[in-house]
Every structure is written in C-alpha cells, then in structure tokens.
Amino acid sequence: MVFKIAHICFCGNVDQAKECLQELGYQLLFSEKIRPMEITQEMSSKYNNHLLMSIWEYPGSISVELLEFESYSLREGMIIPILSGGTSNNSLAMKENESRILNGHKYYKADFLGCPAYVADQKQMDGFGFNSFMLTSTNLDNSIHFWSLFGFDCDVQTELYARLKFRCRLTSKYFFLYLEKCINEELAIEDIDSPGFHVVSLISNSASLEREKVRVAGVDVSALGQIVINGNKVDVFYARSPEGLVTEIISIC
C-alpha cells in the first residue's frame, strides 16, 4: 500500500534551485553522491556513472529531490507545480494577466525555476504550501485508473479536467493531482534525467508487492532494484503513467 508521496524531482540549475527552496523555507534533509541503479539507467536518456542528489523538506508540503546528472535529456519534465502563499522570491515570476480557478482559489500562471507553474493569489491563502501538481493527459479515464492503483481518488471529473486526491496515511493530510485533457493526441514522455520538474516518488510498505499488483493490472513496470540511500537499504521500481510521467515506488527494507 502506498502511504505517502515521497517527493517530486527537479533537474536543472541546482544552485539556483537550492537558493530558491531555502527562500521558500525548505530545509536540507540529506545530500549524497550515488551510482544509479541499472533500472534507473534504463529510464534515462543517457548512461550516467554517478549523480548527485539532495532531499529538501517543508512541513506539510511535498518534498523536492534535486538531481545533478552528468548530462540531461532533451525531453522536458512534465510536472507543473501548484504553489500557495508566501511564494515571493527571485526564482518565481508571476504572470498576473493569466489566471485560473483551482480548488476554489485563484491561481496565477508563473515561471518557477524556468518551468511552468501556478501560484495562488496570496490574499486568499496564509503560509506557503506545495501540496498540488498538474499533468496533461491524452486520456483522462486511463490516467485516473493508473493513479487509483496507487491510492489517488478522483473526486472531480469533466470532459476536459479531473482532480484526484491522495491522503497521506501518516498525517491524514490531502494532496491533489490535477489532470488536464491534452488536445494533442501524441503521447509525450519524460526521462529520469529530464530537465525541470518530473518523476513522482511514492512510498509503499512493500515495493515488491506494489509492483506485482500494478503489473497484474496491466501497468508497464521496471524490474525491482535495490539501492542504499542515506544509510537505508531501499527497494525501488518504476512505472510509466499514461501521461508519460516516470513514477517511482520505493520501500525501506
């Protein structure tokens, strides 16, 4: 069972990203240099002998994993972050003439570390939060089915839009995934070394059992890998969502 969203990844100008995250109030959990697993190499555009990774946390928000590869994919990351409150910093440029309503609040389109994002009208919300993100989908029903296998429940769906919610089993806090129908029927995909925001990492009580469950349901999955991260032995596998997003499922051994 998936019980928590571990983090969302970011590749790009890592020094700028670190400064931005610190301005937002994120704290560094750990940082280390690792050799990518074979299953990670298979989901990357090019072979990398090593990568630098760091995990940044903010209470009540989705954690961010910063990744530094030796080289990067030409395919861009697919995740559009949705931020609320207290987001004024040098790495985020709001476009006040472009806005939309999400979850009953007004959000402005923004440029966040060179990537598209949405930022809430600060007059409507108190305190910073990163508990939502958006993906485009060529088939909403297929996307909803995929994410439901990992504990996301759809509570709003129209012909062009869906909202899914995930309840963290540790804190009972809700996180939201917005799916927007893409008119372009050609499926875009991302790599683990794609620049921008990409890869949703989920924590399960058993990656092995989770992998078998979704494989039987027809999901294309990688082999099960194992790696030591921050002193912990971790089981890992990858699944590609219908949107083309790389989804990572991990469990501590």
C-alpha atoms as a PDB file:
ATOM      1  CA  MET A   1       0.000   0.000   0.000  1.00  0.00           C
ATOM      2  CA  VAL A   2       1.275   3.466  -0.903  1.00  0.00           C
ATOM      3  CA  PHE A   3       1.055   5.618   2.220  1.00  0.00           C
ATOM      4  CA  LYS A   4       2.977   8.782   1.357  1.00  0.00           C
ATOM      5  CA  ILE A   5       4.194  10.961  -1.509  1.00  0.00           C
ATOM      6  CA  ALA A   6       7.950  10.871  -1.005  1.00  0.00           C
ATOM      7  CA  HIS A   7       8.961  13.734  -3.292  1.00  0.00           C
ATOM      8  CA  ILE A   8       8.940  15.278  -6.758  1.00  0.00           C
ATOM      9  CA  CYS A   9      12.260  15.578  -8.616  1.00  0.00           C
ATOM     10  CA  PHE A  10      13.892  18.591 -10.220  1.00  0.00           C
ATOM     11  CA  CYS A  11      16.814  18.720 -12.669  1.00  0.00           C
ATOM     12  CA  GLY A  12      18.333  21.945 -13.876  1.00  0.00           C
ATOM     13  CA  ASN A  13      20.216  24.812 -12.287  1.00  0.00           C
ATOM     14  CA  VAL A  14      20.662  23.107  -8.919  1.00  0.00           C
ATOM     15  CA  ASP A  15      22.466  26.031  -7.252  1.00  0.00           C
ATOM     16  CA  GLN A  16      19.582  28.332  -8.156  1.00  0.00           C
ATOM     17  CA  ALA A  17      17.090  25.683  -7.039  1.00  0.00           C
ATOM     18  CA  LYS A  18      18.779  25.304  -3.640  1.00  0.00           C
ATOM     19  CA  GLU A  19      18.666  29.066  -3.084  1.00  0.00           C
ATOM     20  CA  CYS A  20      15.016  29.177  -4.142  1.00  0.00           C
ATOM     21  CA  LEU A  21      13.992  26.314  -1.863  1.00  0.00           C
ATOM     22  CA  GLN A  22      15.770  27.920   1.081  1.00  0.00           C
ATOM     23  CA  GLU A  23      13.942  31.201   0.423  1.00  0.00           C
ATOM     24  CA  LEU A  24      10.650  29.297   0.485  1.00  0.00           C
ATOM     25  CA  GLY A  25      11.586  27.735   3.837  1.00  0.00           C
ATOM     26  CA  TYR A  26      12.669  24.273   2.711  1.00  0.00           C
ATOM     27  CA  GLN A  27      15.327  22.527   4.804  1.00  0.00           C
ATOM     28  CA  LEU A  28      18.004  20.135   3.529  1.00  0.00           C
ATOM     29  CA  LEU A  29      17.403  16.592   4.809  1.00  0.00           C
ATOM     30  CA  PHE A  30      20.462  14.964   3.237  1.00  0.00           C
ATOM     31  CA  SER A  31      22.716  15.055   0.193  1.00  0.00           C
ATOM     32  CA  GLU A  32      24.898  12.366  -1.351  1.00  0.00           C
ATOM     33  CA  LYS A  33      26.577  11.090  -4.499  1.00  0.00           C
ATOM     34  CA  ILE A  34      25.314   7.731  -5.764  1.00  0.00           C
ATOM     35  CA  ARG A  35      25.775   5.339  -8.658  1.00  0.00           C
ATOM     36  CA  PRO A  36      22.435   4.950 -10.474  1.00  0.00           C
ATOM     37  CA  MET A  37      20.797   1.525 -10.477  1.00  0.00           C
ATOM     38  CA  GLU A  38      20.539  -0.337 -13.774  1.00  0.00           C
ATOM     39  CA  ILE A  39      16.773   0.243 -13.814  1.00  0.00           C
ATOM     40  CA  THR A  40      17.477   3.977 -13.420  1.00  0.00           C
ATOM     41  CA  GLN A  41      19.859   3.892 -16.377  1.00  0.00           C
ATOM     42  CA  GLU A  42      17.127   2.227 -18.457  1.00  0.00           C
ATOM     43  CA  MET A  43      14.743   5.127 -17.729  1.00  0.00           C
ATOM     44  CA  SER A  44      17.395   7.769 -18.542  1.00  0.00           C
ATOM     45  CA  SER A  45      18.246   9.221 -21.932  1.00  0.00           C
ATOM     46  CA  LYS A  46      21.983   8.602 -21.484  1.00  0.00           C
ATOM     47  CA  TYR A  47      24.206   6.458 -19.273  1.00  0.00           C
ATOM     48  CA  ASN A  48      25.389   8.254 -16.119  1.00  0.00           C
ATOM     49  CA  ASN A  49      28.233   6.901 -13.982  1.00  0.00           C
ATOM     50  CA  HIS A  50      27.013   8.857 -10.983  1.00  0.00           C
ATOM     51  CA  LEU A  51      24.546  11.505  -9.876  1.00  0.00           C
ATOM     52  CA  LEU A  52      24.310  13.956  -7.017  1.00  0.00           C
ATOM     53  CA  MET A  53      21.029  14.009  -5.135  1.00  0.00           C
ATOM     54  CA  SER A  54      19.628  16.014  -2.245  1.00  0.00           C
ATOM     55  CA  ILE A  55      16.262  15.911  -0.491  1.00  0.00           C
ATOM     56  CA  TRP A  56      14.600  19.126   0.695  1.00  0.00           C
ATOM     57  CA  GLU A  57      11.638  19.161   3.091  1.00  0.00           C
ATOM     58  CA  TYR A  58       8.991  21.666   4.147  1.00  0.00           C
ATOM     59  CA  PRO A  59       6.398  20.713   6.822  1.00  0.00           C
ATOM     60  CA  GLY A  60       3.064  19.736   5.274  1.00  0.00           C
ATOM     61  CA  SER A  61       4.328  20.104   1.699  1.00  0.00           C
ATOM     62  CA  ILE A  62       5.667  17.783  -0.983  1.00  0.00           C
ATOM     63  CA  SER A  63       9.425  17.295  -0.617  1.00  0.00           C
ATOM     64  CA  VAL A  64      11.715  18.110  -3.535  1.00  0.00           C
ATOM     65  CA  GLU A  65      14.611  15.961  -4.712  1.00  0.00           C
ATOM     66  CA  LEU A  66      17.304  17.856  -6.608  1.00  0.00           C
ATOM     67  CA  LEU A  67      19.230  15.718  -9.107  1.00  0.00           C
ATOM     68  CA  GLU A  68      22.519  16.523 -10.833  1.00  0.00           C
ATOM     69  CA  PHE A  69      23.315  14.185 -13.727  1.00  0.00           C
ATOM     70  CA  GLU A  70      26.403  14.182 -15.939  1.00  0.00           C
ATOM     71  CA  SER A  71      24.122  15.004 -18.880  1.00  0.00           C
ATOM     72  CA  TYR A  72      20.426  15.689 -19.374  1.00  0.00           C
ATOM     73  CA  SER A  73      17.642  14.517 -21.640  1.00  0.00           C
ATOM     74  CA  LEU A  74      16.253  16.705 -24.421  1.00  0.00           C
ATOM     75  CA  ARG A  75      12.751  15.800 -23.208  1.00  0.00           C
ATOM     76  CA  GLU A  76      11.373  18.186 -20.602  1.00  0.00           C
ATOM     77  CA  GLY A  77       9.852  17.245 -17.256  1.00  0.00           C
ATOM     78  CA  MET A  78       6.067  17.001 -17.273  1.00  0.00           C
ATOM     79  CA  ILE A  79       5.036  18.168 -13.798  1.00  0.00           C
ATOM     80  CA  ILE A  80       3.515  21.619 -13.284  1.00  0.00           C
ATOM     81  CA  PRO A  81       3.865  22.615  -9.589  1.00  0.00           C
ATOM     82  CA  ILE A  82       0.932  24.376  -7.908  1.00  0.00           C
ATOM     83  CA  LEU A  83       2.103  26.621  -5.058  1.00  0.00           C
ATOM     84  CA  SER A  84       0.175  28.602  -2.476  1.00  0.00           C
ATOM     85  CA  GLY A  85       1.014  31.515  -0.187  1.00  0.00           C
ATOM     86  CA  GLY A  86       4.354  33.111   0.697  1.00  0.00           C
ATOM     87  CA  THR A  87       5.911  32.420  -2.691  1.00  0.00           C
ATOM     88  CA  SER A  88       7.578  35.726  -3.431  1.00  0.00           C
ATOM     89  CA  ASN A  89      11.209  35.097  -4.353  1.00  0.00           C
ATOM     90  CA  ASN A  90      13.704  35.772  -7.134  1.00  0.00           C
ATOM     91  CA  SER A  91      13.151  32.399  -8.832  1.00  0.00           C
ATOM     92  CA  LEU A  92       9.415  32.789  -9.358  1.00  0.00           C
ATOM     93  CA  ALA A  93       7.904  35.238 -11.854  1.00  0.00           C
ATOM     94  CA  MET A  94       4.101  35.544 -11.737  1.00  0.00           C
ATOM     95  CA  LYS A  95       2.052  36.448 -14.801  1.00  0.00           C
ATOM     96  CA  GLU A  96      -0.772  38.426 -13.235  1.00  0.00           C
ATOM     97  CA  ASN A  97      -2.683  38.723 -16.517  1.00  0.00           C
ATOM     98  CA  GLU A  98      -3.036  34.911 -16.749  1.00  0.00           C
ATOM     99  CA  SER A  99      -5.063  33.169 -14.037  1.00  0.00           C
ATOM    100  CA  ARG A 100      -7.498  30.307 -13.414  1.00  0.00           C
ATOM    101  CA  ILE A 101      -9.553  28.840 -10.587  1.00  0.00           C
ATOM    102  CA  LEU A 102      -8.274  25.647  -8.966  1.00  0.00           C
ATOM    103  CA  ASN A 103      -9.876  24.091  -5.898  1.00  0.00           C
ATOM    104  CA  GLY A 104     -11.943  27.228  -5.347  1.00  0.00           C
ATOM    105  CA  HIS A 105      -8.952  29.588  -5.354  1.00  0.00           C
ATOM    106  CA  LYS A 106      -7.462  31.931  -7.918  1.00  0.00           C
ATOM    107  CA  TYR A 107      -4.055  30.857  -9.250  1.00  0.00           C
ATOM    108  CA  TYR A 108      -1.732  32.823 -11.499  1.00  0.00           C
ATOM    109  CA  LYS A 109       0.426  31.269 -14.171  1.00  0.00           C
ATOM    110  CA  ALA A 110       4.089  31.595 -13.237  1.00  0.00           C
ATOM    111  CA  ASP A 111       7.628  30.792 -14.252  1.00  0.00           C
ATOM    112  CA  PHE A 112       9.250  28.761 -11.454  1.00  0.00           C
ATOM    113  CA  LEU A 113      12.951  27.985 -11.900  1.00  0.00           C
ATOM    114  CA  GLY A 114      12.408  28.271 -15.634  1.00  0.00           C
ATOM    115  CA  CYS A 115       9.436  25.878 -15.563  1.00  0.00           C
ATOM    116  CA  PRO A 116       5.671  26.477 -15.839  1.00  0.00           C
ATOM    117  CA  ALA A 117       3.816  26.635 -12.520  1.00  0.00           C
ATOM    118  CA  TYR A 118       0.695  28.036 -10.873  1.00  0.00           C
ATOM    119  CA  VAL A 119       0.802  30.264  -7.802  1.00  0.00           C
ATOM    120  CA  ALA A 120      -2.164  31.143  -5.599  1.00  0.00           C
ATOM    121  CA  ASP A 121      -3.338  34.673  -5.015  1.00  0.00           C
ATOM    122  CA  GLN A 122      -1.641  35.366  -1.671  1.00  0.00           C
ATOM    123  CA  LYS A 123      -4.642  37.376  -0.450  1.00  0.00           C
ATOM    124  CA  GLN A 124      -6.647  34.135  -0.358  1.00  0.00           C
ATOM    125  CA  MET A 125      -4.171  31.937   1.499  1.00  0.00           C
ATOM    126  CA  ASP A 126      -1.877  32.147   4.506  1.00  0.00           C
ATOM    127  CA  GLY A 127       1.513  30.442   4.566  1.00  0.00           C
ATOM    128  CA  PHE A 128       3.426  28.591   1.888  1.00  0.00           C
ATOM    129  CA  GLY A 129       2.291  25.216   0.582  1.00  0.00           C
ATOM    130  CA  PHE A 130       3.258  22.839  -2.194  1.00  0.00           C
ATOM    131  CA  ASN A 131       0.586  20.157  -1.987  1.00  0.00           C
ATOM    132  CA  SER A 132      -0.707  20.046  -5.560  1.00  0.00           C
ATOM    133  CA  PHE A 133       0.625  19.482  -9.054  1.00  0.00           C
ATOM    134  CA  MET A 134      -0.732  19.207 -12.586  1.00  0.00           C
ATOM    135  CA  LEU A 135      -0.210  16.875 -15.543  1.00  0.00           C
ATOM    136  CA  THR A 136      -1.651  16.876 -19.043  1.00  0.00           C
ATOM    137  CA  SER A 137      -3.322  13.672 -20.228  1.00  0.00           C
ATOM    138  CA  THR A 138      -4.419  12.372 -23.616  1.00  0.00           C
ATOM    139  CA  ASN A 139      -6.950  10.054 -21.923  1.00  0.00           C
ATOM    140  CA  LEU A 140      -8.400  11.089 -18.567  1.00  0.00           C
ATOM    141  CA  ASP A 141     -10.025   7.707 -17.849  1.00  0.00           C
ATOM    142  CA  ASN A 142      -6.745   5.827 -18.368  1.00  0.00           C
ATOM    143  CA  SER A 143      -4.883   8.325 -16.205  1.00  0.00           C
ATOM    144  CA  ILE A 144      -7.455   8.130 -13.407  1.00  0.00           C
ATOM    145  CA  HIS A 145      -7.263   4.325 -13.450  1.00  0.00           C
ATOM    146  CA  PHE A 146      -3.447   4.361 -13.246  1.00  0.00           C
ATOM    147  CA  TRP A 147      -3.281   6.751 -10.304  1.00  0.00           C
ATOM    148  CA  SER A 148      -6.110   4.944  -8.485  1.00  0.00           C
ATOM    149  CA  LEU A 149      -3.816   1.892  -8.288  1.00  0.00           C
ATOM    150  CA  PHE A 150      -1.524   3.979  -6.071  1.00  0.00           C
ATOM    151  CA  GLY A 151      -4.211   5.380  -3.762  1.00  0.00           C
ATOM    152  CA  PHE A 152      -5.329   8.523  -5.627  1.00  0.00           C
ATOM    153  CA  ASP A 153      -9.116   9.018  -5.622  1.00  0.00           C
ATOM    154  CA  CYS A 154     -10.906  11.060  -8.296  1.00  0.00           C
ATOM    155  CA  ASP A 155     -13.422  13.478  -6.769  1.00  0.00           C
ATOM    156  CA  VAL A 156     -13.996  15.799  -9.750  1.00  0.00           C
ATOM    157  CA  GLN A 157     -14.135  14.896 -13.439  1.00  0.00           C
ATOM    158  CA  THR A 158     -15.377  16.692 -16.532  1.00  0.00           C
ATOM    159  CA  GLU A 159     -14.713  16.075 -20.210  1.00  0.00           C
ATOM    160  CA  LEU A 160     -11.518  18.150 -20.100  1.00  0.00           C
ATOM    161  CA  TYR A 161     -10.394  18.051 -16.474  1.00  0.00           C
ATOM    162  CA  ALA A 162     -10.077  15.835 -13.401  1.00  0.00           C
ATOM    163  CA  ARG A 163      -8.945  16.303  -9.827  1.00  0.00           C
ATOM    164  CA  LEU A 164      -7.518  13.424  -7.810  1.00  0.00           C
ATOM    165  CA  LYS A 165      -6.742  13.499  -4.119  1.00  0.00           C
ATOM    166  CA  PHE A 166      -4.290  11.452  -2.089  1.00  0.00           C
ATOM    167  CA  ARG A 167      -4.478  11.160   1.691  1.00  0.00           C
ATOM    168  CA  CYS A 168      -1.175  10.671   3.454  1.00  0.00           C
ATOM    169  CA  ARG A 169      -1.668   7.701   5.795  1.00  0.00           C
ATOM    170  CA  LEU A 170       0.788   9.198   8.305  1.00  0.00           C
ATOM    171  CA  THR A 171      -0.713  12.683   8.695  1.00  0.00           C
ATOM    172  CA  SER A 172      -4.179  12.391   7.062  1.00  0.00           C
ATOM    173  CA  LYS A 173      -3.258  15.470   5.007  1.00  0.00           C
ATOM    174  CA  TYR A 174      -4.600  15.609   1.449  1.00  0.00           C
ATOM    175  CA  PHE A 175      -2.523  16.249  -1.658  1.00  0.00           C
ATOM    176  CA  PHE A 176      -4.013  16.913  -5.096  1.00  0.00           C
ATOM    177  CA  LEU A 177      -3.221  15.903  -8.657  1.00  0.00           C
ATOM    178  CA  TYR A 178      -4.917  17.879 -11.426  1.00  0.00           C
ATOM    179  CA  LEU A 179      -5.246  16.242 -14.840  1.00  0.00           C
ATOM    180  CA  GLU A 180      -5.943  18.406 -17.856  1.00  0.00           C
ATOM    181  CA  LYS A 181      -7.031  16.899 -21.174  1.00  0.00           C
ATOM    182  CA  CYS A 182      -4.430  17.457 -23.858  1.00  0.00           C
ATOM    183  CA  ILE A 183      -5.801  18.183 -27.314  1.00  0.00           C
ATOM    184  CA  ASN A 184      -2.629  16.824 -28.924  1.00  0.00           C
ATOM    185  CA  GLU A 185      -3.154  13.055 -29.154  1.00  0.00           C
ATOM    186  CA  GLU A 186       0.572  12.353 -29.488  1.00  0.00           C
ATOM    187  CA  LEU A 187       1.893  10.971 -26.193  1.00  0.00           C
ATOM    188  CA  ALA A 188       4.808  12.871 -24.712  1.00  0.00           C
ATOM    189  CA  ILE A 189       7.168  11.104 -22.335  1.00  0.00           C
ATOM    190  CA  GLU A 190       9.873  12.149 -19.911  1.00  0.00           C
ATOM    191  CA  ASP A 191      13.112  10.577 -18.701  1.00  0.00           C
ATOM    192  CA  ILE A 192      14.599  10.396 -15.221  1.00  0.00           C
ATOM    193  CA  ASP A 193      17.241  12.875 -16.407  1.00  0.00           C
ATOM    194  CA  SER A 194      14.717  15.289 -17.971  1.00  0.00           C
ATOM    195  CA  PRO A 195      15.213  18.948 -17.024  1.00  0.00           C
ATOM    196  CA  GLY A 196      12.510  20.601 -14.950  1.00  0.00           C
ATOM    197  CA  PHE A 197      10.035  19.093 -12.500  1.00  0.00           C
ATOM    198  CA  HIS A 198       9.494  15.406 -13.148  1.00  0.00           C
ATOM    199  CA  VAL A 199       9.141  11.967 -11.509  1.00  0.00           C
ATOM    200  CA  VAL A 200       6.666  11.469  -8.675  1.00  0.00           C
ATOM    201  CA  SER A 201       8.131   9.252  -5.955  1.00  0.00           C
ATOM    202  CA  LEU A 202       5.734   7.286  -3.740  1.00  0.00           C
ATOM    203  CA  ILE A 203       6.466   5.340  -0.545  1.00  0.00           C
ATOM    204  CA  SER A 204       4.899   1.901  -0.120  1.00  0.00           C
ATOM    205  CA  ASN A 205       5.070  -0.612   2.689  1.00  0.00           C
ATOM    206  CA  SER A 206       6.314  -3.115   0.065  1.00  0.00           C
ATOM    207  CA  ALA A 207       7.614  -2.096  -3.357  1.00  0.00           C
ATOM    208  CA  SER A 208       7.731  -5.763  -4.345  1.00  0.00           C
ATOM    209  CA  LEU A 209       4.041  -6.367  -3.601  1.00  0.00           C
ATOM    210  CA  GLU A 210       3.099  -2.999  -5.116  1.00  0.00           C
ATOM    211  CA  ARG A 211       4.938  -3.895  -8.307  1.00  0.00           C
ATOM    212  CA  GLU A 212       3.130  -7.213  -8.660  1.00  0.00           C
ATOM    213  CA  LYS A 213      -0.260  -5.612  -8.009  1.00  0.00           C
ATOM    214  CA  VAL A 214       0.099  -2.970 -10.714  1.00  0.00           C
ATOM    215  CA  ARG A 215       1.816  -5.363 -13.150  1.00  0.00           C
ATOM    216  CA  VAL A 216      -1.201  -7.696 -12.966  1.00  0.00           C
ATOM    217  CA  ALA A 217      -3.389  -4.635 -13.601  1.00  0.00           C
ATOM    218  CA  GLY A 218      -1.578  -4.085 -16.896  1.00  0.00           C
ATOM    219  CA  VAL A 219       0.900  -1.361 -15.929  1.00  0.00           C
ATOM    220  CA  ASP A 220       4.305  -1.427 -17.649  1.00  0.00           C
ATOM    221  CA  VAL A 221       6.835  -1.711 -14.816  1.00  0.00           C
ATOM    222  CA  SER A 222      10.603  -1.976 -14.498  1.00  0.00           C
ATOM    223  CA  ALA A 223      12.435  -4.728 -12.700  1.00  0.00           C
ATOM    224  CA  LEU A 224      12.785  -4.374  -8.925  1.00  0.00           C
ATOM    225  CA  GLY A 225      16.018  -2.672  -7.927  1.00  0.00           C
ATOM    226  CA  GLN A 226      17.754  -2.090  -4.633  1.00  0.00           C
ATOM    227  CA  ILE A 227      19.990   0.762  -3.508  1.00  0.00           C
ATOM    228  CA  VAL A 228      21.332   2.271  -0.276  1.00  0.00           C
ATOM    229  CA  ILE A 229      20.156   5.871   0.233  1.00  0.00           C
ATOM    230  CA  ASN A 230      21.079   7.924   3.308  1.00  0.00           C
ATOM    231  CA  GLY A 231      22.137   4.711   5.077  1.00  0.00           C
ATOM    232  CA  ASN A 232      18.871   2.886   4.318  1.00  0.00           C
ATOM    233  CA  LYS A 233      18.519  -0.103   2.005  1.00  0.00           C
ATOM    234  CA  VAL A 234      15.621   0.678  -0.343  1.00  0.00           C
ATOM    235  CA  ASP A 235      13.634  -1.422  -2.842  1.00  0.00           C
ATOM    236  CA  VAL A 236      12.654   0.528  -5.959  1.00  0.00           C
ATOM    237  CA  PHE A 237      10.735   0.080  -9.178  1.00  0.00           C
ATOM    238  CA  TYR A 238       9.479   2.433 -11.867  1.00  0.00           C
ATOM    239  CA  ALA A 239       6.162   2.613 -13.680  1.00  0.00           C
ATOM    240  CA  ARG A 240       5.283   4.929 -16.538  1.00  0.00           C
ATOM    241  CA  SER A 241       1.919   6.647 -16.223  1.00  0.00           C
ATOM    242  CA  PRO A 242      -0.430   7.110 -19.215  1.00  0.00           C
ATOM    243  CA  GLU A 243       0.689  10.753 -19.325  1.00  0.00           C
ATOM    244  CA  GLY A 244       4.292   9.612 -19.940  1.00  0.00           C
ATOM    245  CA  LEU A 245       5.441  10.503 -16.416  1.00  0.00           C
ATOM    246  CA  VAL A 246       8.029   8.354 -14.662  1.00  0.00           C
ATOM    247  CA  THR A 247       6.594   7.172 -11.347  1.00  0.00           C
ATOM    248  CA  GLU A 248       8.958   5.798  -8.695  1.00  0.00           C
ATOM    249  CA  ILE A 249       7.741   3.473  -5.949  1.00  0.00           C
ATOM    250  CA  ILE A 250      10.055   2.813  -3.013  1.00  0.00           C
ATOM    251  CA  SER A 251      10.015   0.931   0.272  1.00  0.00           C
ATOM    252  CA  ILE A 252      12.605   0.722   3.022  1.00  0.00           C
ATOM    253  CA  CYS A 253      13.872  -2.837   3.544  1.00  0.00           C
END
